Each structure stands twice: as structure tokens, then as C-alpha cells.
């Protein structure tokens, strides 16, 4: 039987409750119109998108970027 890590279990519950709270708050703020799904998706997707983008920027090899920049300047 595989052991479940305590952190992964608690974070999954945190995200579920956060989603429920955000949906309820959006319905209180915006009513039940078409703005609620847009707001909920934007709020819930922002942290993951931000963290993945920041991680991608940190993983770029600056030497290769500089080399390709110099190559493209001399080709054009």
C-alpha cells in the first residue's frame, strides 16, 4: 500500500475549498451573469500560470540566447 504524503493531501483540499469560496464570492459580487465564469477562471488560473512562467524564465540559458541574438544580427 502506497503512503500518501501529508502535504499533497492538504494542498488538494486547500485548492478545492479555495475554488468553492471563489465561486461563491464571484456570485455575490457579480450575480449569476456571464462575468462569473470569466472571473473564476482568471483568478484560479493566475497562480499556476505565473509560477510556470517564472520557472520558465529562470531556466533559460542566457549564453544560448546571446549567441542566437548575435547570429540573427549578422544574418539580417
Protein backbone atom coordinates (compact mmCIF):
# COMPACT_ATOMS: atom_id res chain seq x y z
CA UNK A 1 0.00 0.00 0.00
CA UNK A 2 1.41 3.36 -1.02
CA UNK A 3 1.75 6.07 1.59
CA UNK A 4 0.15 9.40 0.78
CA UNK A 5 2.19 12.43 1.62
CA UNK A 6 0.55 14.77 4.11
CA UNK A 7 1.35 17.89 2.10
CA UNK A 8 -0.14 16.71 -1.17
CA UNK A 9 -3.35 15.73 0.57
CA UNK A 10 -3.69 19.04 2.41
CA UNK A 11 -2.91 21.11 -0.70
CA UNK A 12 -5.54 19.30 -2.76
CA UNK A 13 -8.16 20.07 -0.11
CA UNK A 14 -6.98 23.66 0.02
CA UNK A 15 -7.47 24.11 -3.73
CA UNK A 16 -10.94 22.54 -3.66
CA UNK A 17 -12.11 24.81 -0.84
CA UNK A 18 -10.48 27.82 -2.49
CA UNK A 19 -12.37 27.14 -5.71
CA UNK A 20 -15.67 26.83 -3.85
CA UNK A 21 -15.05 30.07 -1.95
CA UNK A 22 -14.07 31.95 -5.12
CA UNK A 23 -17.19 30.77 -6.93
CA UNK A 24 -19.45 31.84 -4.08
CA UNK A 25 -17.76 35.25 -3.77
CA UNK A 26 -17.96 35.79 -7.52
CA UNK A 27 -21.67 35.01 -7.47
CA UNK A 28 -22.17 37.50 -4.63
CA UNK A 29 -20.13 40.22 -6.35
CA UNK A 30 -21.26 39.76 -9.97
CA UNK A 31 -24.61 37.98 -9.63
CA UNK A 32 -25.26 34.97 -11.81
CA UNK A 33 -24.37 36.64 -15.09
CA UNK A 34 -21.77 35.73 -17.67
CA UNK A 35 -18.96 37.51 -15.79
CA UNK A 36 -18.78 34.84 -13.05
CA UNK A 37 -17.10 32.07 -15.10
CA UNK A 38 -14.61 34.54 -16.60
CA UNK A 39 -13.66 35.85 -13.17
CA UNK A 40 -13.39 32.41 -11.59
CA UNK A 41 -11.20 31.01 -14.37
CA UNK A 42 -8.95 34.09 -14.34
CA UNK A 43 -8.48 34.01 -10.56
CA UNK A 44 -7.90 30.26 -10.35
CA UNK A 45 -5.51 30.06 -13.33
CA UNK A 46 -3.33 33.06 -12.44
CA UNK A 47 -1.11 31.47 -9.72
CA UNK A 48 -0.22 28.40 -11.78
CA UNK A 49 0.40 30.43 -14.91
CA UNK A 50 2.57 32.91 -13.03
CA UNK A 51 4.66 30.24 -11.30
CA UNK A 52 5.22 28.25 -14.50
CA UNK A 53 6.18 31.39 -16.44
CA UNK A 54 8.63 32.46 -13.73
CA UNK A 55 10.16 28.97 -13.68
CA UNK A 56 10.49 29.04 -17.47
CA UNK A 57 12.27 32.39 -17.42
CA UNK A 58 14.69 31.13 -14.77
CA UNK A 59 15.52 28.03 -16.84
CA UNK A 60 16.56 29.96 -19.97
CA UNK A 61 20.24 29.58 -20.83
CA UNK A 62 21.41 33.18 -21.32
CA UNK A 63 24.54 32.15 -23.23
CA UNK A 64 22.44 30.48 -25.94
CA UNK A 65 20.09 33.46 -26.14
CA UNK A 66 23.03 35.82 -26.55
CA UNK A 67 24.57 33.58 -29.22
CA UNK A 68 21.36 33.39 -31.23
CA UNK A 69 20.90 37.15 -30.91
CA UNK A 70 24.36 37.78 -32.34
CA UNK A 71 23.76 35.26 -35.14
CA UNK A 72 20.46 36.88 -36.07
CA UNK A 73 22.04 40.37 -36.11
CA UNK A 74 24.75 39.31 -38.53
CA UNK A 75 22.36 37.34 -40.78
CA UNK A 76 19.89 40.20 -41.13
